[in-house]
Every structure is written in C-alpha cells, then in structure tokens.
Protein backbone atom coordinates (compact mmCIF):
# COMPACT_ATOMS: atom_id res chain seq x y z
CA MET A 1 33.48 23.20 -31.09
CA PRO A 2 32.50 21.29 -27.92
CA ASP A 3 32.61 23.07 -24.60
CA ARG A 4 35.05 22.11 -21.90
CA ARG A 5 32.82 19.87 -19.93
CA HIS A 6 31.71 17.96 -23.08
CA PHE A 7 35.31 17.61 -24.15
CA LEU A 8 36.44 16.30 -20.82
CA GLN A 9 33.54 13.77 -20.95
CA GLN A 10 34.80 12.62 -24.26
CA LEU A 11 38.41 12.20 -22.78
CA SER A 12 36.97 10.30 -19.79
CA ALA A 13 35.14 7.94 -22.11
CA LEU A 14 38.43 7.20 -24.02
CA GLY A 15 40.43 6.71 -20.75
CA LEU A 16 42.17 10.01 -21.13
CA GLY A 17 41.11 11.90 -18.01
CA ALA A 18 42.92 12.87 -14.99
CA VAL A 19 44.87 10.38 -12.85
CA ALA A 20 42.52 8.01 -11.10
CA GLY A 21 42.96 6.82 -7.60
CA ALA A 22 45.10 3.68 -7.52
CA ARG A 23 43.67 0.41 -6.31
CA VAL A 24 46.82 -1.06 -4.70
CA LEU A 25 46.86 -4.78 -4.56
CA PRO A 26 49.43 -6.61 -2.37
CA ARG A 27 50.41 -9.11 -5.15
CA VAL A 28 49.42 -9.92 -8.73
CA ARG A 29 50.45 -12.97 -10.58
CA ILE A 30 52.20 -12.15 -13.96
CA VAL A 31 52.56 -14.66 -16.70
CA GLY A 32 55.73 -13.84 -18.71
CA ASP A 33 58.40 -11.25 -18.47
CA PRO A 34 56.94 -7.95 -17.35
CA PHE A 35 60.06 -5.95 -18.31
CA THR A 36 59.92 -6.46 -22.06
CA LEU A 37 60.28 -2.70 -22.61
CA GLY A 38 63.42 -2.25 -20.58
CA VAL A 39 64.27 0.53 -18.20
CA ALA A 40 65.18 4.22 -18.52
CA SER A 41 66.07 7.30 -16.58
CA GLY A 42 65.80 11.03 -17.37
CA ASP A 43 65.68 14.65 -16.44
CA PRO A 44 68.51 14.48 -13.87
CA TRP A 45 69.14 17.20 -11.25
CA PRO A 46 71.88 17.51 -8.65
CA ASP A 47 70.29 15.13 -6.08
CA GLY A 48 68.20 12.81 -8.23
CA PHE A 49 66.51 11.76 -11.48
CA VAL A 50 63.43 10.17 -12.84
CA LEU A 51 63.36 6.34 -13.20
CA TRP A 52 61.01 4.69 -15.69
CA THR A 53 59.66 1.28 -16.70
CA ARG A 54 56.46 -0.20 -17.96
CA LEU A 55 55.11 -3.62 -17.12
CA ALA A 56 54.22 -5.26 -20.48
CA PRO A 57 54.50 -9.09 -20.69
CA ASP A 58 52.47 -8.89 -23.91
CA PRO A 59 53.80 -5.56 -25.30
CA LEU A 60 52.15 -5.33 -28.70
CA ASN A 61 48.65 -6.28 -27.55
CA GLY A 62 47.95 -3.62 -24.91
CA GLY A 63 50.67 -4.85 -22.50
CA GLY A 64 48.87 -7.94 -21.09
CA MET A 65 48.64 -6.69 -17.49
CA GLY A 66 44.83 -6.53 -17.17
CA LEU A 67 42.97 -4.07 -15.02
CA ASP A 68 44.74 -4.32 -11.60
CA ASP A 69 47.15 -1.86 -10.29
CA VAL A 70 50.42 -3.43 -9.37
CA PRO A 71 53.09 -2.49 -6.71
CA VAL A 72 56.64 -2.26 -8.19
CA ARG A 73 59.72 -2.15 -6.03
CA TRP A 74 62.70 -0.06 -7.06
CA GLU A 75 66.27 0.24 -5.90
CA VAL A 76 69.17 2.70 -6.52
CA ALA A 77 72.76 1.65 -5.83
CA THR A 78 76.29 2.98 -5.99
CA ASP A 79 77.55 -0.08 -7.78
CA ASP A 80 76.57 -1.98 -10.89
CA GLY A 81 76.11 -5.19 -8.83
CA MET A 82 73.34 -3.50 -6.84
CA ARG A 83 75.00 -4.39 -3.48
CA GLN A 84 75.33 -0.88 -2.06
CA VAL A 85 71.73 0.28 -2.31
CA VAL A 86 71.19 3.80 -1.13
CA ARG A 87 67.57 4.52 -2.06
CA LYS A 88 64.54 2.08 -2.46
CA GLY A 89 60.82 2.18 -2.40
CA THR A 90 57.60 1.04 -3.94
CA ALA A 91 55.72 2.75 -6.76
CA VAL A 92 52.30 1.76 -8.14
CA ALA A 93 51.94 0.77 -11.84
CA THR A 94 48.43 1.73 -12.61
CA ALA A 95 46.16 0.33 -15.24
CA ASP A 96 45.04 3.87 -16.14
CA PHE A 97 48.68 4.63 -17.27
CA ALA A 98 49.32 1.37 -19.02
CA HIS A 99 51.23 0.05 -15.93
CA ALA A 100 54.01 2.67 -16.57
CA VAL A 101 56.07 3.70 -13.61
CA HIS A 102 57.70 7.15 -12.98
CA VAL A 103 59.84 7.31 -9.91
CA THR A 104 61.19 10.70 -8.73
CA VAL A 105 64.36 9.95 -6.77
CA ARG A 106 65.76 12.59 -4.48
CA GLY A 107 68.46 12.90 -1.81
CA LEU A 108 71.39 11.55 -3.65
CA SER A 109 74.86 13.03 -4.03
CA PRO A 110 75.57 15.42 -6.92
CA ASP A 111 77.68 14.68 -9.85
CA ARG A 112 78.04 10.86 -9.62
CA TRP A 113 76.83 7.77 -11.43
CA TYR A 114 74.21 5.42 -9.90
CA TRP A 115 72.72 2.10 -10.92
CA TYR A 116 68.92 1.03 -10.61
CA ARG A 117 66.39 -1.73 -11.12
CA PHE A 118 62.93 -2.73 -10.57
CA HIS A 119 61.19 -5.77 -9.02
CA VAL A 120 57.56 -7.05 -9.48
CA GLY A 121 56.52 -10.44 -8.02
CA ASP A 122 59.47 -12.77 -8.62
CA ALA A 123 60.67 -10.86 -11.69
CA THR A 124 63.62 -8.41 -11.75
CA SER A 125 64.37 -5.86 -14.42
CA PRO A 126 67.68 -5.28 -16.27
CA VAL A 127 69.95 -2.85 -14.43
CA GLY A 128 70.12 0.65 -15.74
CA ARG A 129 72.93 3.26 -15.33
CA THR A 130 72.27 6.97 -14.62
CA ARG A 131 73.69 9.97 -12.84
CA THR A 132 72.95 13.12 -10.96
CA MET A 133 73.95 16.64 -12.14
CA PRO A 134 76.77 18.69 -10.54
CA ALA A 135 75.70 20.94 -7.58
CA PRO A 136 74.59 24.47 -8.31
CA GLY A 137 77.65 26.68 -8.49
CA ALA A 138 79.99 23.70 -9.18
CA SER A 139 82.57 24.10 -11.99
CA PRO A 140 82.95 20.67 -13.64
CA SER A 141 85.78 20.25 -16.06
CA ARG A 142 83.78 18.84 -18.83
CA PHE A 143 80.33 17.66 -19.93
CA ARG A 144 79.68 14.99 -22.59
CA LEU A 145 76.35 14.53 -24.28
CA VAL A 146 75.04 12.73 -27.34
CA VAL A 147 72.36 14.04 -29.74
CA ALA A 148 70.00 11.79 -31.39
CA SER A 149 66.59 11.94 -33.19
CA CYS A 150 64.35 10.37 -35.78
CA GLN A 151 64.32 6.56 -35.36
CA HIS A 152 61.77 5.28 -37.82
CA TYR A 153 61.51 1.55 -36.80
CA GLU A 154 60.54 0.35 -40.33
CA ALA A 155 63.30 2.39 -42.08
CA GLY A 156 66.19 0.51 -40.49
CA PHE A 157 67.81 -1.11 -37.48
CA TYR A 158 69.34 0.77 -34.56
CA ALA A 159 72.98 -0.01 -34.98
CA ALA A 160 73.63 3.68 -34.08
CA HIS A 161 71.90 3.20 -30.69
CA ALA A 162 74.19 0.21 -29.90
CA HIS A 163 77.19 2.43 -30.41
CA LEU A 164 75.62 5.30 -28.57
CA ALA A 165 75.21 3.12 -25.60
CA ARG A 166 78.94 2.62 -25.39
CA GLU A 167 79.87 6.35 -25.59
CA ASP A 168 81.36 7.79 -22.43
CA ALA A 169 78.44 10.36 -22.20
CA ASP A 170 76.67 12.01 -19.33
CA LEU A 171 73.43 12.55 -21.08
CA CYS A 172 71.52 11.79 -24.25
CA THR A 173 69.33 14.50 -25.75
CA PHE A 174 66.69 12.98 -27.96
CA LEU A 175 65.14 15.78 -30.09
CA GLY A 176 62.08 14.26 -31.54
CA ASP A 177 60.49 11.62 -33.72
CA TYR A 178 60.80 8.80 -31.25
CA ILE A 179 58.07 6.98 -33.05
CA TYR A 180 56.58 7.41 -36.44
CA GLU A 181 52.86 7.22 -37.01
CA SER A 182 53.34 6.65 -40.76
CA SER A 183 54.89 3.72 -42.68
CA SER A 184 58.24 4.02 -44.37
CA ALA A 185 58.73 3.85 -48.13
CA ARG A 186 62.06 2.15 -47.31
CA ARG A 187 60.85 -0.75 -45.19
CA VAL A 188 63.43 -2.97 -43.51
CA ARG A 189 61.02 -4.25 -40.77
CA ALA A 190 57.32 -3.59 -40.13
CA HIS A 191 55.29 -1.75 -37.51
CA GLU A 192 52.74 -3.73 -35.59
CA ALA A 193 49.72 -2.16 -37.29
CA GLY A 194 48.71 0.86 -39.38
CA GLU A 195 48.66 4.54 -38.41
CA PRO A 196 47.74 5.08 -34.75
CA THR A 197 44.92 7.54 -33.82
CA THR A 198 43.76 6.07 -30.45
CA LEU A 199 45.42 5.74 -27.05
CA ALA A 200 45.59 1.92 -27.39
CA GLU A 201 47.23 2.22 -30.85
CA TYR A 202 49.83 4.71 -29.68
CA ARG A 203 50.64 2.52 -26.76
CA ASN A 204 51.24 -0.35 -29.14
CA ARG A 205 53.33 1.70 -31.36
CA TYR A 206 55.61 2.80 -28.47
CA ALA A 207 55.88 -0.81 -27.36
CA CYS A 208 56.90 -1.88 -30.76
CA TYR A 209 59.83 0.60 -30.73
CA LYS A 210 60.76 -0.08 -27.16
CA THR A 211 61.09 -3.85 -27.65
CA ASP A 212 64.21 -3.09 -29.70
CA PRO A 213 67.17 -4.29 -27.70
CA GLN A 214 69.64 -1.68 -29.04
CA LEU A 215 67.22 1.12 -28.08
CA GLN A 216 66.84 -0.41 -24.70
CA ALA A 217 70.62 -0.54 -24.23
CA ALA A 218 70.91 3.13 -25.12
CA HIS A 219 68.29 4.03 -22.46
CA ALA A 220 69.94 1.82 -19.84
CA ALA A 221 73.39 3.44 -20.40
CA MET A 222 72.77 7.00 -19.36
CA PRO A 223 69.93 9.39 -18.52
CA TRP A 224 67.87 10.79 -21.45
CA VAL A 225 66.37 14.26 -21.82
CA VAL A 226 63.64 14.14 -24.46
CA THR A 227 61.46 16.39 -26.47
CA TRP A 228 59.07 15.62 -29.33
CA ASP A 229 58.56 16.86 -32.86
CA ASP A 230 55.70 15.97 -35.17
CA HIS A 231 55.64 12.23 -35.75
CA GLU A 232 54.85 11.46 -32.10
CA VAL A 233 51.37 12.81 -33.12
CA ASP A 234 50.97 13.37 -36.78
CA ASN A 235 53.28 14.46 -39.53
CA ASN A 236 53.98 18.21 -39.79
CA HIS A 237 51.04 19.08 -37.47
CA ALA A 238 51.17 22.68 -36.03
CA GLY A 239 49.48 23.19 -32.73
CA LEU A 240 46.01 21.89 -33.31
CA VAL A 241 46.23 21.92 -37.06
CA SER A 242 46.61 18.31 -38.35
CA GLU A 243 48.33 17.25 -41.59
CA ARG A 244 44.96 16.49 -43.19
CA ARG A 245 43.12 19.54 -41.63
CA ASP A 246 40.86 17.31 -39.45
CA PRO A 247 38.26 19.15 -37.45
CA VAL A 248 39.90 20.70 -34.39
CA GLU A 249 37.66 18.77 -31.96
CA VAL A 250 38.73 15.43 -33.64
CA PHE A 251 42.43 16.28 -33.61
CA GLN A 252 42.25 17.31 -29.99
CA LEU A 253 41.23 13.83 -29.08
CA ARG A 254 44.02 12.33 -31.21
CA ARG A 255 46.59 14.67 -29.67
CA ALA A 256 45.29 13.80 -26.09
CA ALA A 257 45.83 10.19 -26.83
CA ALA A 258 49.37 10.62 -28.37
CA TYR A 259 50.54 12.93 -25.50
CA ARG A 260 49.25 10.44 -22.94
CA ALA A 261 51.10 7.62 -24.58
CA TYR A 262 54.27 9.75 -24.91
CA TYR A 263 54.24 10.55 -21.21
CA GLU A 264 53.64 6.81 -20.28
CA HIS A 265 56.69 5.80 -22.22
CA MET A 266 59.23 8.54 -21.41
CA PRO A 267 61.32 9.14 -18.27
CA LEU A 268 59.69 12.58 -17.63
CA ARG A 269 59.02 14.56 -14.52
CA ARG A 270 55.50 14.58 -13.13
CA SER A 271 55.25 18.27 -14.08
CA SER A 272 54.91 16.98 -17.70
CA LEU A 273 51.72 14.91 -16.91
CA PRO A 274 49.47 15.79 -19.72
CA VAL A 275 45.94 17.18 -19.15
CA GLY A 276 43.78 16.24 -22.17
CA PRO A 277 45.43 17.63 -25.35
CA ASP A 278 47.99 19.81 -23.44
CA MET A 279 51.34 18.81 -21.91
CA LEU A 280 54.11 21.04 -20.48
CA LEU A 281 57.24 19.73 -22.11
CA TYR A 282 59.64 22.76 -22.17
CA ARG A 283 62.04 22.85 -19.22
CA SER A 284 65.66 23.50 -18.30
CA LEU A 285 68.44 21.58 -16.75
CA GLU A 286 71.89 22.64 -15.57
CA PHE A 287 75.27 20.94 -15.57
CA GLY A 288 76.74 23.13 -12.82
CA GLN A 289 78.07 26.35 -14.19
CA LEU A 290 79.24 24.69 -17.41
CA ALA A 291 75.93 24.34 -19.32
CA ARG A 292 72.28 25.27 -19.00
CA ILE A 293 70.07 23.24 -21.41
CA HIS A 294 66.82 24.77 -22.47
CA VAL A 295 64.60 21.93 -23.79
CA LEU A 296 62.11 23.53 -26.20
CA ASP A 297 58.79 22.54 -27.57
CA GLY A 298 58.44 23.78 -31.11
CA ARG A 299 55.35 21.87 -32.10
CA GLN A 300 52.60 22.26 -29.57
CA TYR A 301 52.23 26.07 -29.70
CA ARG A 302 53.37 27.07 -33.12
CA SER A 303 51.41 28.88 -35.89
CA ASP A 304 50.34 26.87 -38.86
CA GLN A 305 53.03 26.57 -41.53
CA SER A 306 52.68 29.33 -44.23
CA CYS A 307 52.56 29.09 -47.97
CA GLY A 308 50.99 25.63 -47.96
CA ASP A 309 53.84 24.02 -45.90
CA ARG A 310 56.72 21.99 -47.57
CA THR A 311 59.62 23.69 -49.35
CA LYS A 312 58.31 26.87 -51.01
CA PRO A 313 59.08 30.43 -51.99
CA PRO A 314 58.03 32.99 -49.44
CA CYS A 315 54.36 34.15 -49.69
CA GLU A 316 52.61 37.18 -48.18
CA GLU A 317 51.77 35.52 -44.80
CA TRP A 318 55.29 34.08 -44.35
CA ASP A 319 56.92 37.14 -42.55
CA ARG A 320 53.94 38.21 -40.47
CA GLU A 321 55.04 39.44 -36.93
CA ASP A 322 52.35 37.46 -35.21
CA ARG A 323 53.51 34.10 -36.38
CA THR A 324 55.24 32.05 -33.71
CA MET A 325 57.36 28.89 -33.35
CA LEU A 326 57.17 28.63 -29.62
CA GLY A 327 54.13 30.55 -28.46
CA ALA A 328 54.26 33.77 -26.42
CA THR A 329 54.51 32.06 -23.04
CA GLN A 330 57.34 29.80 -23.95
CA GLU A 331 59.12 32.78 -25.63
CA ARG A 332 59.01 34.70 -22.47
CA TRP A 333 60.20 31.69 -20.43
CA LEU A 334 63.15 31.26 -22.70
CA THR A 335 64.09 34.89 -22.63
CA ARG A 336 64.14 34.76 -18.86
CA GLY A 337 66.23 31.58 -18.89
CA LEU A 338 68.73 32.98 -21.44
CA ALA A 339 69.21 36.09 -19.27
CA ARG A 340 69.97 34.14 -16.07
CA PRO A 341 73.65 34.39 -15.20
CA GLY A 342 75.77 31.35 -14.12
CA ALA A 343 76.20 29.22 -17.22
CA THR A 344 79.19 29.21 -19.63
CA TRP A 345 77.16 27.60 -22.42
CA GLN A 346 73.54 28.21 -23.20
CA VAL A 347 72.06 25.19 -25.13
CA LEU A 348 68.86 25.10 -27.03
CA ALA A 349 67.79 21.51 -27.48
CA GLN A 350 65.05 21.69 -30.07
CA GLN A 351 63.48 20.20 -33.16
CA VAL A 352 63.83 21.94 -36.49
CA MET A 353 66.67 23.80 -38.13
CA MET A 354 67.14 27.29 -36.93
CA MET A 355 69.89 28.55 -39.28
CA PRO A 356 68.63 29.95 -42.58
CA LEU A 357 68.81 27.47 -45.47
CA ASP A 358 67.73 29.01 -48.79
CA LEU A 359 67.29 26.04 -51.07
CA ASP A 360 66.96 28.07 -54.25
CA PRO A 361 70.42 28.03 -56.02
CA GLY A 362 69.50 31.11 -58.11
CA PRO A 363 68.48 34.65 -57.31
CA GLY A 364 65.11 33.50 -55.74
CA GLU A 365 64.40 32.17 -52.34
CA MET A 366 62.97 28.79 -51.19
CA PHE A 367 62.61 27.59 -47.61
CA ASN A 368 61.42 24.66 -45.59
CA MET A 369 58.22 26.03 -44.26
CA ASP A 370 58.22 23.57 -41.35
CA SER A 371 61.60 24.91 -39.93
CA TRP A 372 62.56 28.25 -38.38
CA SER A 373 62.99 29.54 -41.90
CA GLY A 374 59.22 29.29 -42.30
CA TYR A 375 58.87 31.46 -39.12
CA PRO A 376 61.27 34.48 -39.78
CA ALA A 377 59.63 36.84 -37.27
CA ALA A 378 59.93 34.23 -34.50
CA ARG A 379 63.64 33.72 -35.26
CA ARG A 380 64.19 37.47 -35.44
CA ARG A 381 62.77 37.86 -31.96
CA LEU A 382 65.01 35.16 -30.63
CA MET A 383 68.11 36.60 -32.29
CA ARG A 384 67.18 40.16 -30.93
CA VAL A 385 67.30 38.70 -27.45
CA ILE A 386 70.64 37.10 -27.96
CA GLY A 387 72.06 40.09 -29.75
CA GLU A 388 70.77 42.82 -27.57
CA ARG A 389 71.84 41.07 -24.38
CA GLN A 390 75.16 40.07 -25.96
CA LEU A 391 74.75 36.47 -24.81
CA PRO A 392 77.77 34.50 -25.51
CA ASN A 393 78.14 30.83 -26.25
CA VAL A 394 74.69 29.94 -27.45
CA VAL A 395 74.58 26.57 -29.06
CA VAL A 396 71.47 25.09 -30.95
CA LEU A 397 71.05 21.38 -31.15
CA THR A 398 68.58 20.16 -33.64
CA GLY A 399 67.09 17.07 -35.23
CA ASP A 400 64.38 16.51 -37.75
CA VAL A 401 65.95 16.75 -41.22
CA HIS A 402 67.70 13.33 -41.42
CA ALA A 403 70.97 14.91 -42.26
CA ASN A 404 74.07 16.33 -40.47
CA TYR A 405 74.62 20.07 -40.59
CA ALA A 406 76.97 22.50 -38.81
CA GLY A 407 76.78 26.20 -39.13
CA GLU A 408 76.07 29.61 -37.69
CA VAL A 409 72.89 31.59 -37.06
CA PRO A 410 73.26 35.18 -38.32
CA ARG A 411 71.63 38.26 -36.90
CA ASP A 412 70.10 39.01 -40.35
CA TRP A 413 69.99 36.24 -42.96
CA ARG A 414 69.54 38.72 -45.81
CA GLN A 415 73.04 40.09 -45.10
CA PRO A 416 75.75 37.41 -45.85
CA ASP A 417 78.32 39.27 -43.63
CA ALA A 418 75.92 39.83 -40.69
CA ASP A 419 77.12 38.97 -37.17
CA ARG A 420 76.74 35.32 -36.10
CA LEU A 421 74.86 35.21 -32.82
CA ALA A 422 74.73 31.36 -32.26
CA VAL A 423 75.93 28.13 -33.64
CA GLU A 424 73.91 25.13 -34.67
CA TYR A 425 74.78 21.52 -34.68
CA VAL A 426 72.06 19.46 -36.53
CA GLY A 427 72.13 15.68 -36.05
CA THR A 428 71.09 13.23 -38.66
CA SER A 429 68.49 10.33 -37.98
CA ILE A 430 69.11 7.14 -36.20
CA SER A 431 67.37 5.33 -39.09
CA SER A 432 64.75 7.44 -40.85
CA GLU A 433 64.86 7.49 -44.58
CA GLY A 434 67.11 4.38 -44.82
CA ASP A 435 70.81 4.51 -45.45
CA GLY A 436 70.83 8.16 -46.78
CA MET A 437 73.63 9.43 -49.00
CA ASP A 438 76.88 11.42 -48.75
CA THR A 439 75.16 14.74 -49.41
CA TYR A 440 71.74 16.00 -50.64
CA PRO A 441 72.27 17.44 -54.09
CA GLN A 442 69.70 20.26 -53.62
CA VAL A 443 71.67 21.51 -50.55
CA GLU A 444 75.00 21.34 -52.25
CA ARG A 445 73.67 23.41 -55.24
CA ALA A 446 72.54 26.05 -52.72
CA ARG A 447 75.77 26.30 -50.66
CA ALA A 448 76.70 29.66 -52.20
CA SER A 449 73.35 31.12 -50.95
CA ASN A 450 74.11 29.98 -47.42
CA PRO A 451 77.56 31.19 -46.29
CA TRP A 452 76.85 30.28 -42.71
CA LEU A 453 76.55 26.56 -43.57
CA LYS A 454 79.89 24.93 -42.85
CA PHE A 455 79.06 21.18 -43.21
CA HIS A 456 76.51 18.94 -44.70
CA GLN A 457 76.29 15.11 -44.73
CA ALA A 458 73.26 12.75 -45.00
CA ARG A 459 74.25 9.27 -43.58
CA ARG A 460 72.76 7.90 -40.27
CA GLY A 461 73.95 8.26 -36.73
CA TYR A 462 74.30 10.84 -33.96
CA ILE A 463 76.43 13.66 -32.62
CA ARG A 464 78.84 13.26 -29.77
CA CYS A 465 79.61 16.53 -27.91
CA GLU A 466 82.30 17.42 -25.37
CA ILE A 467 81.99 20.73 -23.59
CA THR A 468 84.56 22.48 -21.46
CA ALA A 469 84.93 26.09 -20.25
CA ASP A 470 87.14 26.82 -23.32
CA ALA A 471 85.39 25.17 -26.22
CA TRP A 472 82.56 23.03 -27.57
CA ARG A 473 83.44 20.11 -29.73
CA SER A 474 80.98 18.10 -31.95
CA ASP A 475 81.97 14.71 -33.50
CA TYR A 476 79.55 13.48 -36.24
CA ARG A 477 79.26 9.67 -35.85
CA ILE A 478 77.77 7.68 -38.69
CA VAL A 479 76.97 4.09 -39.61
CA PRO A 480 77.36 2.98 -43.26
CA SER A 481 73.97 1.26 -43.38
CA VAL A 482 70.83 0.61 -41.36
CA GLN A 483 70.11 -2.50 -43.24
CA THR A 484 71.85 -4.47 -40.40
CA ALA A 485 71.78 -4.24 -36.66
CA HIS A 486 75.58 -4.65 -36.46
CA ALA A 487 76.88 -1.82 -38.66
CA PRO A 488 80.24 -0.26 -37.48
CA ILE A 489 80.57 3.34 -36.44
CA ALA A 490 83.00 6.00 -37.73
CA THR A 491 83.44 9.80 -37.12
CA VAL A 492 82.90 11.61 -40.46
CA ALA A 493 83.67 15.07 -39.25
CA SER A 494 84.54 17.10 -36.10
CA PHE A 495 84.02 20.78 -35.33
CA VAL A 496 84.96 23.16 -32.51
CA THR A 497 83.28 26.31 -31.25
CA PRO A 498 85.68 28.26 -29.05
CA ALA A 499 84.12 29.93 -25.95
CA GLY A 500 83.20 33.48 -26.72
CA ARG A 501 83.01 33.09 -30.62
CA SER A 502 79.90 32.04 -32.54
CA VAL A 503 81.76 30.16 -35.12
CA VAL A 504 82.09 26.57 -36.37
CA GLU A 505 85.67 25.55 -37.15
CA PRO A 506 87.13 22.22 -38.23
CA ALA A 507 88.58 20.36 -35.21
C-alpha cells in the first residue's frame, strides 16, 4: 500500500490533485457550440441554489477547450425571457476541472421559481428553470418531487426524461447509476468507447450521456438532487473493494477519477468537491416544515457484500454486527438528522432496497446481498433509531433494481406481523435493462414470504410524488418501450401513505 505522499503524487500525475490556481484570460476564441452538454441546477436552499454547465464544443473527445481557463458569465432572472435579471456574475471554467462551472447563487427570495443562463464569448446557453426552497419555519401546502435512477444510455432512449421534464414538480431526486461503466446486453445505441477507468474516459462517458436532448430537458426543467450508486465507478463495488477485486491502490486511483468526473458533471455544492478517492456526498435539504430530505451515500463507506455477493442464502458473516451500509460517521449524522424536530416528513433518498425481500418461495431464505437485506445489522440499527424515538412519517425513496416496488419496512423482518416503521417507494429505471416486463416471475413467486410488499412492476419510468401535511402520494409513471425516444407515458399505479401511519394503501 503506498503512503499518502506517494498516493498524492500519483493523483497529481493523473491530474486528480487539489484545485489549481486559475489562470483567468480576458477572452478565448471558441470554435463551435460550447454548451453541447446543456445546463443544470441543484441542491436548492431558501435563498439560492447551485448552477452548472460545462464548456464542451467537442464533447466526446475531451471537450475541445484546450488548456486555457475561460471566464463564463451567468445570469438569474425572475422571468423565462431573462428580462428581469436579479443576480449575475462571472465564474471561471478551469481546464483542471474540464471547463465545468459550479456557481453558488445566494441572496434570492425563498419559495419561488427563477430562470438562468450562461454566456461565453458570443455564445449563450439554453435557459434553465430552477427554484429556491421555502424559508425555515414556513408551512408550504404541498411539495412535488420526481424520483428517477438507472439511465443506461445503451439500453434505451430517454422518453421517460422527456415526460419528467413536463411534470409540475419542485425537485428531481436522482438516486444513482447516472452513467454505466459497462455495456448493455440489450443495446439500442452505443457508448462512445469501452469501459472507463481513467479521468479522461469517465469525462467522455458523462459527456456521451449529457448530449442526450431529453436528459438535458429534464435538467433544465427543475433543480436536481443527486446521489450515486455503483455504476458511476464500477459495478457492485463496496467501499474500496472493486467488482474484480483489484489491488486497493489501483482501485483508489480509478475511484478518484470517477469521483472527480462525477463532481465535474453534477450540480453539486462545493462541499462535495472530491479529495482524491474521497467525496462527501451525503447531505440534507429542507422544504420548509413539510419535508426534510436526507440524501444518503450507500456505496462509499459500506462493508464488502457477504456470501460472495449476488442473490444468495445467508452465510455466517451475513449477520455480523460490525457490517455497515453507511459507515459509522454517516450513521451518526443520519441519527442526528432524524432526531431534529420541525419536519412533517422525513425522507431517505438512497440507492438500494431497504425493505426485506426474501426471494426464496419455499421455507428457505435468499436475499440480494447488495441491498439492505445483505446488511441486516445496519438495517436493524436504523430501524431501532426510528422505533425507539417513535419517529413518524419516514419515507424511503430508492432506485437500483430496475423495477417499481411499494411496501413497508418492518421492525423485525422475521416476524410477518411486526410493526411497520417506514414506507418505501422504489422507482424503476429510466432505461436500464431495456423495456422490462410487467412483473419479475421470481418476485411474484415469493410474494407470500414478503407480506410488507404491496406492489411490484417492472416497466421503465419514474415516480411522481405529491406531499402534503396530511398524506404522501406516489404515482408510478411508465413508458411502454425504450426502443423509441417518443414513447407515451401512463400512470400504472398510485399509492397513498397517510400522515402518522407507516402503511402503503392504493390511492
């Protein structure tokens, strides 16, 4: 294992070190459209948000911006015609960060919509729409969000994103697998190259995804709150354990490259700026007193999957108390956040299914070892916090499994009649695994072993949620096919969780 100095030297050689001092030039001539990757906003707070773009006239070949740092002008207005500009400034798109721009905007009015755009040279970006959160202590009448994840570019088109962009939503929560490092067995279109391992390769992979006009429209329609899962780095990796069990020092460098590219392409706060192979992604947001969203990182700090990973019967190490999904520091942070008063709904925006799902239809047990069912001690600790503190209205939002699920999280999964302490709404993929099917046969055969599971369906789409002080409603929106970019959308099922009751009921 290399020491820290040697490791930082390796990072520096690969262009992955700390932020370099910017060499600001008054004007740089750009050939072509610098805004091929669109615009985005994210992580809103009561008086502002983060604005993002990346200059890339040649997006699939490193961006095409050369080595000069470039000044980029930005504007925020109260109208979509950008006539009533209320904030403006200049940011620097540095070569060190692939000419990405992250602008922290402050000093705006709470709980309202704004529009924004960027200028560089004679070029002007598309206009994006975003909003601020309600003021602390405010009691908004409703909060609307959409839940999306898993958008394998090769597996299909993003018709779901086109419809998501037209939803009357305040926020999009994207719960992981923004890119895929691997190829799809059901290829509709092709990635720009093979599996990425270097910073340049990850940058090109993000650029490939972000050139999609429907994804750009979804970003431009509302602020996004993002977290990652595994494919942003390497399939089913756990902490610093890669899928193929690469040497740790090798995987550190790959993870550092992947994290750097993720930050460069997401509308994230500066507090998430990565340092080598580490990046602080878990954080919280509040929609007045109506909802507190805890954005979790269930990948960077977790123990390695037990029992050889995949879907397996439990083995000896499976139930060890020291195994963790979130890591000790994030667990303590989440416990403190859940205990804070002032929010009607506590939302856990995270990656993998939390409710138990025993996939053995007989008397045995079989679990997805990459989900919370593969980390039963970690789930017990979280349920203990919720149960002992009698926390009401805990809603888990999940991605990962390329299927829609709705159900409840019990205090003790070995007792079918145990108290339910939270509800979980799991969203299907945007495109991953192709068109999908009505249901997964293995899940249907195991329904009797999982009485808390209330709904299962495996087409593509997203969840639309409406939250009031009285109830949470989730509408499962699906497209019939991802073979075309123009598929229609329909609501296949709707469920309600009344405030004060950890149940999922048909709407």
